[in-house]
């Protein structure tokens, strides 16, 4: 249950927050 809750939270965070990696040289 703990692991499932952690994965659900992470999936929610992925949908609601944005992270973009930009290459600079």
PDBML (XML) file of the C-alpha atoms, coordinates in Angstrom:
<?xml version="1.0" encoding="UTF-8" ?>
<PDBx:datablock datablockName="MODEL"
   xmlns:PDBx="http://pdbml.pdb.org/schema/pdbx-v50.xsd"
   xmlns:xsi="http://www.w3.org/2001/XMLSchema-instance"
   xsi:schemaLocation="http://pdbml.pdb.org/schema/pdbx-v50.xsd pdbx-v50.xsd">
   <PDBx:atom_siteCategory>
      <PDBx:atom_site id="1">
         <PDBx:B_iso_or_equiv>0.00</PDBx:B_iso_or_equiv>
         <PDBx:Cartn_x>0.000</PDBx:Cartn_x>
         <PDBx:Cartn_y>0.000</PDBx:Cartn_y>
         <PDBx:Cartn_z>0.000</PDBx:Cartn_z>
         <PDBx:auth_asym_id>A</PDBx:auth_asym_id>
         <PDBx:auth_atom_id>CA</PDBx:auth_atom_id>
         <PDBx:auth_comp_id>UNK</PDBx:auth_comp_id>
         <PDBx:auth_seq_id>1</PDBx:auth_seq_id>
         <PDBx:group_PDB>ATOM</PDBx:group_PDB>
         <PDBx:label_alt_id xsi:nil="true" />
         <PDBx:label_asym_id>A</PDBx:label_asym_id>
         <PDBx:label_atom_id>CA</PDBx:label_atom_id>
         <PDBx:label_comp_id>UNK</PDBx:label_comp_id>
         <PDBx:label_entity_id>1</PDBx:label_entity_id>
         <PDBx:label_seq_id>1</PDBx:label_seq_id>
         <PDBx:occupancy>1.00</PDBx:occupancy>
         <PDBx:pdbx_PDB_model_num>1</PDBx:pdbx_PDB_model_num>
         <PDBx:type_symbol>C</PDBx:type_symbol>
      </PDBx:atom_site>
      <PDBx:atom_site id="2">
         <PDBx:B_iso_or_equiv>0.00</PDBx:B_iso_or_equiv>
         <PDBx:Cartn_x>2.827</PDBx:Cartn_x>
         <PDBx:Cartn_y>2.401</PDBx:Cartn_y>
         <PDBx:Cartn_z>0.848</PDBx:Cartn_z>
         <PDBx:auth_asym_id>A</PDBx:auth_asym_id>
         <PDBx:auth_atom_id>CA</PDBx:auth_atom_id>
         <PDBx:auth_comp_id>UNK</PDBx:auth_comp_id>
         <PDBx:auth_seq_id>2</PDBx:auth_seq_id>
         <PDBx:group_PDB>ATOM</PDBx:group_PDB>
         <PDBx:label_alt_id xsi:nil="true" />
         <PDBx:label_asym_id>A</PDBx:label_asym_id>
         <PDBx:label_atom_id>CA</PDBx:label_atom_id>
         <PDBx:label_comp_id>UNK</PDBx:label_comp_id>
         <PDBx:label_entity_id>1</PDBx:label_entity_id>
         <PDBx:label_seq_id>2</PDBx:label_seq_id>
         <PDBx:occupancy>1.00</PDBx:occupancy>
         <PDBx:pdbx_PDB_model_num>1</PDBx:pdbx_PDB_model_num>
         <PDBx:type_symbol>C</PDBx:type_symbol>
      </PDBx:atom_site>
      <PDBx:atom_site id="3">
         <PDBx:B_iso_or_equiv>0.00</PDBx:B_iso_or_equiv>
         <PDBx:Cartn_x>4.552</PDBx:Cartn_x>
         <PDBx:Cartn_y>1.767</PDBx:Cartn_y>
         <PDBx:Cartn_z>-2.492</PDBx:Cartn_z>
         <PDBx:auth_asym_id>A</PDBx:auth_asym_id>
         <PDBx:auth_atom_id>CA</PDBx:auth_atom_id>
         <PDBx:auth_comp_id>UNK</PDBx:auth_comp_id>
         <PDBx:auth_seq_id>3</PDBx:auth_seq_id>
         <PDBx:group_PDB>ATOM</PDBx:group_PDB>
         <PDBx:label_alt_id xsi:nil="true" />
         <PDBx:label_asym_id>A</PDBx:label_asym_id>
         <PDBx:label_atom_id>CA</PDBx:label_atom_id>
         <PDBx:label_comp_id>UNK</PDBx:label_comp_id>
         <PDBx:label_entity_id>1</PDBx:label_entity_id>
         <PDBx:label_seq_id>3</PDBx:label_seq_id>
         <PDBx:occupancy>1.00</PDBx:occupancy>
         <PDBx:pdbx_PDB_model_num>1</PDBx:pdbx_PDB_model_num>
         <PDBx:type_symbol>C</PDBx:type_symbol>
      </PDBx:atom_site>
      <PDBx:atom_site id="4">
         <PDBx:B_iso_or_equiv>0.00</PDBx:B_iso_or_equiv>
         <PDBx:Cartn_x>1.285</PDBx:Cartn_x>
         <PDBx:Cartn_y>2.092</PDBx:Cartn_y>
         <PDBx:Cartn_z>-4.459</PDBx:Cartn_z>
         <PDBx:auth_asym_id>A</PDBx:auth_asym_id>
         <PDBx:auth_atom_id>CA</PDBx:auth_atom_id>
         <PDBx:auth_comp_id>UNK</PDBx:auth_comp_id>
         <PDBx:auth_seq_id>4</PDBx:auth_seq_id>
         <PDBx:group_PDB>ATOM</PDBx:group_PDB>
         <PDBx:label_alt_id xsi:nil="true" />
         <PDBx:label_asym_id>A</PDBx:label_asym_id>
         <PDBx:label_atom_id>CA</PDBx:label_atom_id>
         <PDBx:label_comp_id>UNK</PDBx:label_comp_id>
         <PDBx:label_entity_id>1</PDBx:label_entity_id>
         <PDBx:label_seq_id>4</PDBx:label_seq_id>
         <PDBx:occupancy>1.00</PDBx:occupancy>
         <PDBx:pdbx_PDB_model_num>1</PDBx:pdbx_PDB_model_num>
         <PDBx:type_symbol>C</PDBx:type_symbol>
      </PDBx:atom_site>
      <PDBx:atom_site id="5">
         <PDBx:B_iso_or_equiv>0.00</PDBx:B_iso_or_equiv>
         <PDBx:Cartn_x>0.516</PDBx:Cartn_x>
         <PDBx:Cartn_y>5.407</PDBx:Cartn_y>
         <PDBx:Cartn_z>-2.726</PDBx:Cartn_z>
         <PDBx:auth_asym_id>A</PDBx:auth_asym_id>
         <PDBx:auth_atom_id>CA</PDBx:auth_atom_id>
         <PDBx:auth_comp_id>UNK</PDBx:auth_comp_id>
         <PDBx:auth_seq_id>5</PDBx:auth_seq_id>
         <PDBx:group_PDB>ATOM</PDBx:group_PDB>
         <PDBx:label_alt_id xsi:nil="true" />
         <PDBx:label_asym_id>A</PDBx:label_asym_id>
         <PDBx:label_atom_id>CA</PDBx:label_atom_id>
         <PDBx:label_comp_id>UNK</PDBx:label_comp_id>
         <PDBx:label_entity_id>1</PDBx:label_entity_id>
         <PDBx:label_seq_id>5</PDBx:label_seq_id>
         <PDBx:occupancy>1.00</PDBx:occupancy>
         <PDBx:pdbx_PDB_model_num>1</PDBx:pdbx_PDB_model_num>
         <PDBx:type_symbol>C</PDBx:type_symbol>
      </PDBx:atom_site>
      <PDBx:atom_site id="6">
         <PDBx:B_iso_or_equiv>0.00</PDBx:B_iso_or_equiv>
         <PDBx:Cartn_x>4.020</PDBx:Cartn_x>
         <PDBx:Cartn_y>6.665</PDBx:Cartn_y>
         <PDBx:Cartn_z>-3.549</PDBx:Cartn_z>
         <PDBx:auth_asym_id>A</PDBx:auth_asym_id>
         <PDBx:auth_atom_id>CA</PDBx:auth_atom_id>
         <PDBx:auth_comp_id>UNK</PDBx:auth_comp_id>
         <PDBx:auth_seq_id>6</PDBx:auth_seq_id>
         <PDBx:group_PDB>ATOM</PDBx:group_PDB>
         <PDBx:label_alt_id xsi:nil="true" />
         <PDBx:label_asym_id>A</PDBx:label_asym_id>
         <PDBx:label_atom_id>CA</PDBx:label_atom_id>
         <PDBx:label_comp_id>UNK</PDBx:label_comp_id>
         <PDBx:label_entity_id>1</PDBx:label_entity_id>
         <PDBx:label_seq_id>6</PDBx:label_seq_id>
         <PDBx:occupancy>1.00</PDBx:occupancy>
         <PDBx:pdbx_PDB_model_num>1</PDBx:pdbx_PDB_model_num>
         <PDBx:type_symbol>C</PDBx:type_symbol>
      </PDBx:atom_site>
      <PDBx:atom_site id="7">
         <PDBx:B_iso_or_equiv>0.00</PDBx:B_iso_or_equiv>
         <PDBx:Cartn_x>3.644</PDBx:Cartn_x>
         <PDBx:Cartn_y>5.723</PDBx:Cartn_y>
         <PDBx:Cartn_z>-7.221</PDBx:Cartn_z>
         <PDBx:auth_asym_id>A</PDBx:auth_asym_id>
         <PDBx:auth_atom_id>CA</PDBx:auth_atom_id>
         <PDBx:auth_comp_id>UNK</PDBx:auth_comp_id>
         <PDBx:auth_seq_id>7</PDBx:auth_seq_id>
         <PDBx:group_PDB>ATOM</PDBx:group_PDB>
         <PDBx:label_alt_id xsi:nil="true" />
         <PDBx:label_asym_id>A</PDBx:label_asym_id>
         <PDBx:label_atom_id>CA</PDBx:label_atom_id>
         <PDBx:label_comp_id>UNK</PDBx:label_comp_id>
         <PDBx:label_entity_id>1</PDBx:label_entity_id>
         <PDBx:label_seq_id>7</PDBx:label_seq_id>
         <PDBx:occupancy>1.00</PDBx:occupancy>
         <PDBx:pdbx_PDB_model_num>1</PDBx:pdbx_PDB_model_num>
         <PDBx:type_symbol>C</PDBx:type_symbol>
      </PDBx:atom_site>
      <PDBx:atom_site id="8">
         <PDBx:B_iso_or_equiv>0.00</PDBx:B_iso_or_equiv>
         <PDBx:Cartn_x>0.184</PDBx:Cartn_x>
         <PDBx:Cartn_y>7.328</PDBx:Cartn_y>
         <PDBx:Cartn_z>-7.445</PDBx:Cartn_z>
         <PDBx:auth_asym_id>A</PDBx:auth_asym_id>
         <PDBx:auth_atom_id>CA</PDBx:auth_atom_id>
         <PDBx:auth_comp_id>UNK</PDBx:auth_comp_id>
         <PDBx:auth_seq_id>8</PDBx:auth_seq_id>
         <PDBx:group_PDB>ATOM</PDBx:group_PDB>
         <PDBx:label_alt_id xsi:nil="true" />
         <PDBx:label_asym_id>A</PDBx:label_asym_id>
         <PDBx:label_atom_id>CA</PDBx:label_atom_id>
         <PDBx:label_comp_id>UNK</PDBx:label_comp_id>
         <PDBx:label_entity_id>1</PDBx:label_entity_id>
         <PDBx:label_seq_id>8</PDBx:label_seq_id>
         <PDBx:occupancy>1.00</PDBx:occupancy>
         <PDBx:pdbx_PDB_model_num>1</PDBx:pdbx_PDB_model_num>
         <PDBx:type_symbol>C</PDBx:type_symbol>
      </PDBx:atom_site>
      <PDBx:atom_site id="9">
         <PDBx:B_iso_or_equiv>0.00</PDBx:B_iso_or_equiv>
         <PDBx:Cartn_x>1.566</PDBx:Cartn_x>
         <PDBx:Cartn_y>10.533</PDBx:Cartn_y>
         <PDBx:Cartn_z>-5.899</PDBx:Cartn_z>
         <PDBx:auth_asym_id>A</PDBx:auth_asym_id>
         <PDBx:auth_atom_id>CA</PDBx:auth_atom_id>
         <PDBx:auth_comp_id>UNK</PDBx:auth_comp_id>
         <PDBx:auth_seq_id>9</PDBx:auth_seq_id>
         <PDBx:group_PDB>ATOM</PDBx:group_PDB>
         <PDBx:label_alt_id xsi:nil="true" />
         <PDBx:label_asym_id>A</PDBx:label_asym_id>
         <PDBx:label_atom_id>CA</PDBx:label_atom_id>
         <PDBx:label_comp_id>UNK</PDBx:label_comp_id>
         <PDBx:label_entity_id>1</PDBx:label_entity_id>
         <PDBx:label_seq_id>9</PDBx:label_seq_id>
         <PDBx:occupancy>1.00</PDBx:occupancy>
         <PDBx:pdbx_PDB_model_num>1</PDBx:pdbx_PDB_model_num>
         <PDBx:type_symbol>C</PDBx:type_symbol>
      </PDBx:atom_site>
      <PDBx:atom_site id="10">
         <PDBx:B_iso_or_equiv>0.00</PDBx:B_iso_or_equiv>
         <PDBx:Cartn_x>4.470</PDBx:Cartn_x>
         <PDBx:Cartn_y>10.565</PDBx:Cartn_y>
         <PDBx:Cartn_z>-8.328</PDBx:Cartn_z>
         <PDBx:auth_asym_id>A</PDBx:auth_asym_id>
         <PDBx:auth_atom_id>CA</PDBx:auth_atom_id>
         <PDBx:auth_comp_id>UNK</PDBx:auth_comp_id>
         <PDBx:auth_seq_id>10</PDBx:auth_seq_id>
         <PDBx:group_PDB>ATOM</PDBx:group_PDB>
         <PDBx:label_alt_id xsi:nil="true" />
         <PDBx:label_asym_id>A</PDBx:label_asym_id>
         <PDBx:label_atom_id>CA</PDBx:label_atom_id>
         <PDBx:label_comp_id>UNK</PDBx:label_comp_id>
         <PDBx:label_entity_id>1</PDBx:label_entity_id>
         <PDBx:label_seq_id>10</PDBx:label_seq_id>
         <PDBx:occupancy>1.00</PDBx:occupancy>
         <PDBx:pdbx_PDB_model_num>1</PDBx:pdbx_PDB_model_num>
         <PDBx:type_symbol>C</PDBx:type_symbol>
      </PDBx:atom_site>
      <PDBx:atom_site id="11">
         <PDBx:B_iso_or_equiv>0.00</PDBx:B_iso_or_equiv>
         <PDBx:Cartn_x>2.131</PDBx:Cartn_x>
         <PDBx:Cartn_y>10.048</PDBx:Cartn_y>
         <PDBx:Cartn_z>-11.304</PDBx:Cartn_z>
         <PDBx:auth_asym_id>A</PDBx:auth_asym_id>
         <PDBx:auth_atom_id>CA</PDBx:auth_atom_id>
         <PDBx:auth_comp_id>UNK</PDBx:auth_comp_id>
         <PDBx:auth_seq_id>11</PDBx:auth_seq_id>
         <PDBx:group_PDB>ATOM</PDBx:group_PDB>
         <PDBx:label_alt_id xsi:nil="true" />
         <PDBx:label_asym_id>A</PDBx:label_asym_id>
         <PDBx:label_atom_id>CA</PDBx:label_atom_id>
         <PDBx:label_comp_id>UNK</PDBx:label_comp_id>
         <PDBx:label_entity_id>1</PDBx:label_entity_id>
         <PDBx:label_seq_id>11</PDBx:label_seq_id>
         <PDBx:occupancy>1.00</PDBx:occupancy>
         <PDBx:pdbx_PDB_model_num>1</PDBx:pdbx_PDB_model_num>
         <PDBx:type_symbol>C</PDBx:type_symbol>
      </PDBx:atom_site>
      <PDBx:atom_site id="12">
         <PDBx:B_iso_or_equiv>0.00</PDBx:B_iso_or_equiv>
         <PDBx:Cartn_x>-0.050</PDBx:Cartn_x>
         <PDBx:Cartn_y>12.924</PDBx:Cartn_y>
         <PDBx:Cartn_z>-10.058</PDBx:Cartn_z>
         <PDBx:auth_asym_id>A</PDBx:auth_asym_id>
         <PDBx:auth_atom_id>CA</PDBx:auth_atom_id>
         <PDBx:auth_comp_id>UNK</PDBx:auth_comp_id>
         <PDBx:auth_seq_id>12</PDBx:auth_seq_id>
         <PDBx:group_PDB>ATOM</PDBx:group_PDB>
         <PDBx:label_alt_id xsi:nil="true" />
         <PDBx:label_asym_id>A</PDBx:label_asym_id>
         <PDBx:label_atom_id>CA</PDBx:label_atom_id>
         <PDBx:label_comp_id>UNK</PDBx:label_comp_id>
         <PDBx:label_entity_id>1</PDBx:label_entity_id>
         <PDBx:label_seq_id>12</PDBx:label_seq_id>
         <PDBx:occupancy>1.00</PDBx:occupancy>
         <PDBx:pdbx_PDB_model_num>1</PDBx:pdbx_PDB_model_num>
         <PDBx:type_symbol>C</PDBx:type_symbol>
      </PDBx:atom_site>
      <PDBx:atom_site id="13">
         <PDBx:B_iso_or_equiv>0.00</PDBx:B_iso_or_equiv>
         <PDBx:Cartn_x>3.016</PDBx:Cartn_x>
         <PDBx:Cartn_y>15.156</PDBx:Cartn_y>
         <PDBx:Cartn_z>-9.645</PDBx:Cartn_z>
         <PDBx:auth_asym_id>A</PDBx:auth_asym_id>
         <PDBx:auth_atom_id>CA</PDBx:auth_atom_id>
         <PDBx:auth_comp_id>UNK</PDBx:auth_comp_id>
         <PDBx:auth_seq_id>13</PDBx:auth_seq_id>
         <PDBx:group_PDB>ATOM</PDBx:group_PDB>
         <PDBx:label_alt_id xsi:nil="true" />
         <PDBx:label_asym_id>A</PDBx:label_asym_id>
         <PDBx:label_atom_id>CA</PDBx:label_atom_id>
         <PDBx:label_comp_id>UNK</PDBx:label_comp_id>
         <PDBx:label_entity_id>1</PDBx:label_entity_id>
         <PDBx:label_seq_id>13</PDBx:label_seq_id>
         <PDBx:occupancy>1.00</PDBx:occupancy>
         <PDBx:pdbx_PDB_model_num>1</PDBx:pdbx_PDB_model_num>
         <PDBx:type_symbol>C</PDBx:type_symbol>
      </PDBx:atom_site>
      <PDBx:atom_site id="14">
         <PDBx:B_iso_or_equiv>0.00</PDBx:B_iso_or_equiv>
         <PDBx:Cartn_x>4.133</PDBx:Cartn_x>
         <PDBx:Cartn_y>14.283</PDBx:Cartn_y>
         <PDBx:Cartn_z>-13.195</PDBx:Cartn_z>
         <PDBx:auth_asym_id>A</PDBx:auth_asym_id>
         <PDBx:auth_atom_id>CA</PDBx:auth_atom_id>
         <PDBx:auth_comp_id>UNK</PDBx:auth_comp_id>
         <PDBx:auth_seq_id>14</PDBx:auth_seq_id>
         <PDBx:group_PDB>ATOM</PDBx:group_PDB>
         <PDBx:label_alt_id xsi:nil="true" />
         <PDBx:label_asym_id>A</PDBx:label_asym_id>
         <PDBx:label_atom_id>CA</PDBx:label_atom_id>
         <PDBx:label_comp_id>UNK</PDBx:label_comp_id>
         <PDBx:label_entity_id>1</PDBx:label_entity_id>
         <PDBx:label_seq_id>14</PDBx:label_seq_id>
         <PDBx:occupancy>1.00</PDBx:occupancy>
         <PDBx:pdbx_PDB_model_num>1</PDBx:pdbx_PDB_model_num>
         <PDBx:type_symbol>C</PDBx:type_symbol>
      </PDBx:atom_site>
      <PDBx:atom_site id="15">
         <PDBx:B_iso_or_equiv>0.00</PDBx:B_iso_or_equiv>
         <PDBx:Cartn_x>0.760</PDBx:Cartn_x>
         <PDBx:Cartn_y>15.379</PDBx:Cartn_y>
         <PDBx:Cartn_z>-14.565</PDBx:Cartn_z>
         <PDBx:auth_asym_id>A</PDBx:auth_asym_id>
         <PDBx:auth_atom_id>CA</PDBx:auth_atom_id>
         <PDBx:auth_comp_id>UNK</PDBx:auth_comp_id>
         <PDBx:auth_seq_id>15</PDBx:auth_seq_id>
         <PDBx:group_PDB>ATOM</PDBx:group_PDB>
         <PDBx:label_alt_id xsi:nil="true" />
         <PDBx:label_asym_id>A</PDBx:label_asym_id>
         <PDBx:label_atom_id>CA</PDBx:label_atom_id>
         <PDBx:label_comp_id>UNK</PDBx:label_comp_id>
         <PDBx:label_entity_id>1</PDBx:label_entity_id>
         <PDBx:label_seq_id>15</PDBx:label_seq_id>
         <PDBx:occupancy>1.00</PDBx:occupancy>
         <PDBx:pdbx_PDB_model_num>1</PDBx:pdbx_PDB_model_num>
         <PDBx:type_symbol>C</PDBx:type_symbol>
      </PDBx:atom_site>
      <PDBx:atom_site id="16">
         <PDBx:B_iso_or_equiv>0.00</PDBx:B_iso_or_equiv>
         <PDBx:Cartn_x>0.495</PDBx:Cartn_x>
         <PDBx:Cartn_y>18.553</PDBx:Cartn_y>
         <PDBx:Cartn_z>-12.484</PDBx:Cartn_z>
         <PDBx:auth_asym_id>A</PDBx:auth_asym_id>
         <PDBx:auth_atom_id>CA</PDBx:auth_atom_id>
         <PDBx:auth_comp_id>UNK</PDBx:auth_comp_id>
         <PDBx:auth_seq_id>16</PDBx:auth_seq_id>
         <PDBx:group_PDB>ATOM</PDBx:group_PDB>
         <PDBx:label_alt_id xsi:nil="true" />
         <PDBx:label_asym_id>A</PDBx:label_asym_id>
         <PDBx:label_atom_id>CA</PDBx:label_atom_id>
         <PDBx:label_comp_id>UNK</PDBx:label_comp_id>
         <PDBx:label_entity_id>1</PDBx:label_entity_id>
         <PDBx:label_seq_id>16</PDBx:label_seq_id>
         <PDBx:occupancy>1.00</PDBx:occupancy>
         <PDBx:pdbx_PDB_model_num>1</PDBx:pdbx_PDB_model_num>
         <PDBx:type_symbol>C</PDBx:type_symbol>
      </PDBx:atom_site>
      <PDBx:atom_site id="17">
         <PDBx:B_iso_or_equiv>0.00</PDBx:B_iso_or_equiv>
         <PDBx:Cartn_x>4.096</PDBx:Cartn_x>
         <PDBx:Cartn_y>19.816</PDBx:Cartn_y>
         <PDBx:Cartn_z>-12.542</PDBx:Cartn_z>
         <PDBx:auth_asym_id>A</PDBx:auth_asym_id>
         <PDBx:auth_atom_id>CA</PDBx:auth_atom_id>
         <PDBx:auth_comp_id>UNK</PDBx:auth_comp_id>
         <PDBx:auth_seq_id>17</PDBx:auth_seq_id>
         <PDBx:group_PDB>ATOM</PDBx:group_PDB>
         <PDBx:label_alt_id xsi:nil="true" />
         <PDBx:label_asym_id>A</PDBx:label_asym_id>
         <PDBx:label_atom_id>CA</PDBx:label_atom_id>
         <PDBx:label_comp_id>UNK</PDBx:label_comp_id>
         <PDBx:label_entity_id>1</PDBx:label_entity_id>
         <PDBx:label_seq_id>17</PDBx:label_seq_id>
         <PDBx:occupancy>1.00</PDBx:occupancy>
         <PDBx:pdbx_PDB_model_num>1</PDBx:pdbx_PDB_model_num>
         <PDBx:type_symbol>C</PDBx:type_symbol>
      </PDBx:atom_site>
      <PDBx:atom_site id="18">
         <PDBx:B_iso_or_equiv>0.00</PDBx:B_iso_or_equiv>
         <PDBx:Cartn_x>6.543</PDBx:Cartn_x>
         <PDBx:Cartn_y>20.406</PDBx:Cartn_y>
         <PDBx:Cartn_z>-15.332</PDBx:Cartn_z>
         <PDBx:auth_asym_id>A</PDBx:auth_asym_id>
         <PDBx:auth_atom_id>CA</PDBx:auth_atom_id>
         <PDBx:auth_comp_id>UNK</PDBx:auth_comp_id>
         <PDBx:auth_seq_id>18</PDBx:auth_seq_id>
         <PDBx:group_PDB>ATOM</PDBx:group_PDB>
         <PDBx:label_alt_id xsi:nil="true" />
         <PDBx:label_asym_id>A</PDBx:label_asym_id>
         <PDBx:label_atom_id>CA</PDBx:label_atom_id>
         <PDBx:label_comp_id>UNK</PDBx:label_comp_id>
         <PDBx:label_entity_id>1</PDBx:label_entity_id>
         <PDBx:label_seq_id>18</PDBx:label_seq_id>
         <PDBx:occupancy>1.00</PDBx:occupancy>
         <PDBx:pdbx_PDB_model_num>1</PDBx:pdbx_PDB_model_num>
         <PDBx:type_symbol>C</PDBx:type_symbol>
      </PDBx:atom_site>
      <PDBx:atom_site id="19">
         <PDBx:B_iso_or_equiv>0.00</PDBx:B_iso_or_equiv>
         <PDBx:Cartn_x>10.228</PDBx:Cartn_x>
         <PDBx:Cartn_y>19.615</PDBx:Cartn_y>
         <PDBx:Cartn_z>-15.641</PDBx:Cartn_z>
         <PDBx:auth_asym_id>A</PDBx:auth_asym_id>
         <PDBx:auth_atom_id>CA</PDBx:auth_atom_id>
         <PDBx:auth_comp_id>UNK</PDBx:auth_comp_id>
         <PDBx:auth_seq_id>19</PDBx:auth_seq_id>
         <PDBx:group_PDB>ATOM</PDBx:group_PDB>
         <PDBx:label_alt_id xsi:nil="true" />
         <PDBx:label_asym_id>A</PDBx:label_asym_id>
         <PDBx:label_atom_id>CA</PDBx:label_atom_id>
         <PDBx:label_comp_id>UNK</PDBx:label_comp_id>
         <PDBx:label_entity_id>1</PDBx:label_entity_id>
         <PDBx:label_seq_id>19</PDBx:label_seq_id>
         <PDBx:occupancy>1.00</PDBx:occupancy>
         <PDBx:pdbx_PDB_model_num>1</PDBx:pdbx_PDB_model_num>
         <PDBx:type_symbol>C</PDBx:type_symbol>
      </PDBx:atom_site>
      <PDBx:atom_site id="20">
         <PDBx:B_iso_or_equiv>0.00</PDBx:B_iso_or_equiv>
         <PDBx:Cartn_x>12.153</PDBx:Cartn_x>
         <PDBx:Cartn_y>20.363</PDBx:Cartn_y>
         <PDBx:Cartn_z>-18.820</PDBx:Cartn_z>
         <PDBx:auth_asym_id>A</PDBx:auth_asym_id>
         <PDBx:auth_atom_id>CA</PDBx:auth_atom_id>
         <PDBx:auth_comp_id>UNK</PDBx:auth_comp_id>
         <PDBx:auth_seq_id>20</PDBx:auth_seq_id>
         <PDBx:group_PDB>ATOM</PDBx:group_PDB>
         <PDBx:label_alt_id xsi:nil="true" />
         <PDBx:label_asym_id>A</PDBx:label_asym_id>
         <PDBx:label_atom_id>CA</PDBx:label_atom_id>
         <PDBx:label_comp_id>UNK</PDBx:label_comp_id>
         <PDBx:label_entity_id>1</PDBx:label_entity_id>
         <PDBx:label_seq_id>20</PDBx:label_seq_id>
         <PDBx:occupancy>1.00</PDBx:occupancy>
         <PDBx:pdbx_PDB_model_num>1</PDBx:pdbx_PDB_model_num>
         <PDBx:type_symbol>C</PDBx:type_symbol>
      </PDBx:atom_site>
      <PDBx:atom_site id="21">
         <PDBx:B_iso_or_equiv>0.00</PDBx:B_iso_or_equiv>
         <PDBx:Cartn_x>15.816</PDBx:Cartn_x>
         <PDBx:Cartn_y>19.572</PDBx:Cartn_y>
         <PDBx:Cartn_z>-19.342</PDBx:Cartn_z>
         <PDBx:auth_asym_id>A</PDBx:auth_asym_id>
         <PDBx:auth_atom_id>CA</PDBx:auth_atom_id>
         <PDBx:auth_comp_id>UNK</PDBx:auth_comp_id>
         <PDBx:auth_seq_id>21</PDBx:auth_seq_id>
         <PDBx:group_PDB>ATOM</PDBx:group_PDB>
         <PDBx:label_alt_id xsi:nil="true" />
         <PDBx:label_asym_id>A</PDBx:label_asym_id>
         <PDBx:label_atom_id>CA</PDBx:label_atom_id>
         <PDBx:label_comp_id>UNK</PDBx:label_comp_id>
         <PDBx:label_entity_id>1</PDBx:label_entity_id>
         <PDBx:label_seq_id>21</PDBx:label_seq_id>
         <PDBx:occupancy>1.00</PDBx:occupancy>
         <PDBx:pdbx_PDB_model_num>1</PDBx:pdbx_PDB_model_num>
         <PDBx:type_symbol>C</PDBx:type_symbol>
      </PDBx:atom_site>
      <PDBx:atom_site id="22">
         <PDBx:B_iso_or_equiv>0.00</PDBx:B_iso_or_equiv>
         <PDBx:Cartn_x>17.538</PDBx:Cartn_x>
         <PDBx:Cartn_y>21.982</PDBx:Cartn_y>
         <PDBx:Cartn_z>-21.729</PDBx:Cartn_z>
         <PDBx:auth_asym_id>A</PDBx:auth_asym_id>
         <PDBx:auth_atom_id>CA</PDBx:auth_atom_id>
         <PDBx:auth_comp_id>UNK</PDBx:auth_comp_id>
         <PDBx:auth_seq_id>22</PDBx:auth_seq_id>
         <PDBx:group_PDB>ATOM</PDBx:group_PDB>
         <PDBx:label_alt_id xsi:nil="true" />
         <PDBx:label_asym_id>A</PDBx:label_asym_id>
         <PDBx:label_atom_id>CA</PDBx:label_atom_id>
         <PDBx:label_comp_id>UNK</PDBx:label_comp_id>
         <PDBx:label_entity_id>1</PDBx:label_entity_id>
         <PDBx:label_seq_id>22</PDBx:label_seq_id>
         <PDBx:occupancy>1.00</PDBx:occupancy>
         <PDBx:pdbx_PDB_model_num>1</PDBx:pdbx_PDB_model_num>
         <PDBx:type_symbol>C</PDBx:type_symbol>
      </PDBx:atom_site>
      <PDBx:atom_site id="23">
         <PDBx:B_iso_or_equiv>0.00</PDBx:B_iso_or_equiv>
         <PDBx:Cartn_x>20.921</PDBx:Cartn_x>
         <PDBx:Cartn_y>21.129</PDBx:Cartn_y>
         <PDBx:Cartn_z>-23.262</PDBx:Cartn_z>
         <PDBx:auth_asym_id>A</PDBx:auth_asym_id>
         <PDBx:auth_atom_id>CA</PDBx:auth_atom_id>
         <PDBx:auth_comp_id>UNK</PDBx:auth_comp_id>
         <PDBx:auth_seq_id>23</PDBx:auth_seq_id>
         <PDBx:group_PDB>ATOM</PDBx:group_PDB>
         <PDBx:label_alt_id xsi:nil="true" />
         <PDBx:label_asym_id>A</PDBx:label_asym_id>
         <PDBx:label_atom_id>CA</PDBx:label_atom_id>
         <PDBx:label_comp_id>UNK</PDBx:label_comp_id>
         <PDBx:label_entity_id>1</PDBx:label_entity_id>
         <PDBx:label_seq_id>23</PDBx:label_seq_id>
         <PDBx:occupancy>1.00</PDBx:occupancy>
         <PDBx:pdbx_PDB_model_num>1</PDBx:pdbx_PDB_model_num>
         <PDBx:type_symbol>C</PDBx:type_symbol>
      </PDBx:atom_site>
      <PDBx:atom_site id="24">
         <PDBx:B_iso_or_equiv>0.00</PDBx:B_iso_or_equiv>
         <PDBx:Cartn_x>23.408</PDBx:Cartn_x>
         <PDBx:Cartn_y>24.031</PDBx:Cartn_y>
         <PDBx:Cartn_z>-23.333</PDBx:Cartn_z>
         <PDBx:auth_asym_id>A</PDBx:auth_asym_id>
         <PDBx:auth_atom_id>CA</PDBx:auth_atom_id>
         <PDBx:auth_comp_id>UNK</PDBx:auth_comp_id>
         <PDBx:auth_seq_id>24</PDBx:auth_seq_id>
         <PDBx:group_PDB>ATOM</PDBx:group_PDB>
         <PDBx:label_alt_id xsi:nil="true" />
         <PDBx:label_asym_id>A</PDBx:label_asym_id>
         <PDBx:label_atom_id>CA</PDBx:label_atom_id>
         <PDBx:label_comp_id>UNK</PDBx:label_comp_id>
         <PDBx:label_entity_id>1</PDBx:label_entity_id>
         <PDBx:label_seq_id>24</PDBx:label_seq_id>
         <PDBx:occupancy>1.00</PDBx:occupancy>
         <PDBx:pdbx_PDB_model_num>1</PDBx:pdbx_PDB_model_num>
         <PDBx:type_symbol>C</PDBx:type_symbol>
      </PDBx:atom_site>
      <PDBx:atom_site id="25">
         <PDBx:B_iso_or_equiv>0.00</PDBx:B_iso_or_equiv>
         <PDBx:Cartn_x>26.443</PDBx:Cartn_x>
         <PDBx:Cartn_y>22.864</PDBx:Cartn_y>
         <PDBx:Cartn_z>-25.335</PDBx:Cartn_z>
         <PDBx:auth_asym_id>A</PDBx:auth_asym_id>
         <PDBx:auth_atom_id>CA</PDBx:auth_atom_id>
         <PDBx:auth_comp_id>UNK</PDBx:auth_comp_id>
         <PDBx:auth_seq_id>25</PDBx:auth_seq_id>
         <PDBx:group_PDB>ATOM</PDBx:group_PDB>
         <PDBx:label_alt_id xsi:nil="true" />
         <PDBx:label_asym_id>A</PDBx:label_asym_id>
         <PDBx:label_atom_id>CA</PDBx:label_atom_id>
         <PDBx:label_comp_id>UNK</PDBx:label_comp_id>
         <PDBx:label_entity_id>1</PDBx:label_entity_id>
         <PDBx:label_seq_id>25</PDBx:label_seq_id>
         <PDBx:occupancy>1.00</PDBx:occupancy>
         <PDBx:pdbx_PDB_model_num>1</PDBx:pdbx_PDB_model_num>
         <PDBx:type_symbol>C</PDBx:type_symbol>
      </PDBx:atom_site>
   </PDBx:atom_siteCategory>
</PDBx:datablock>
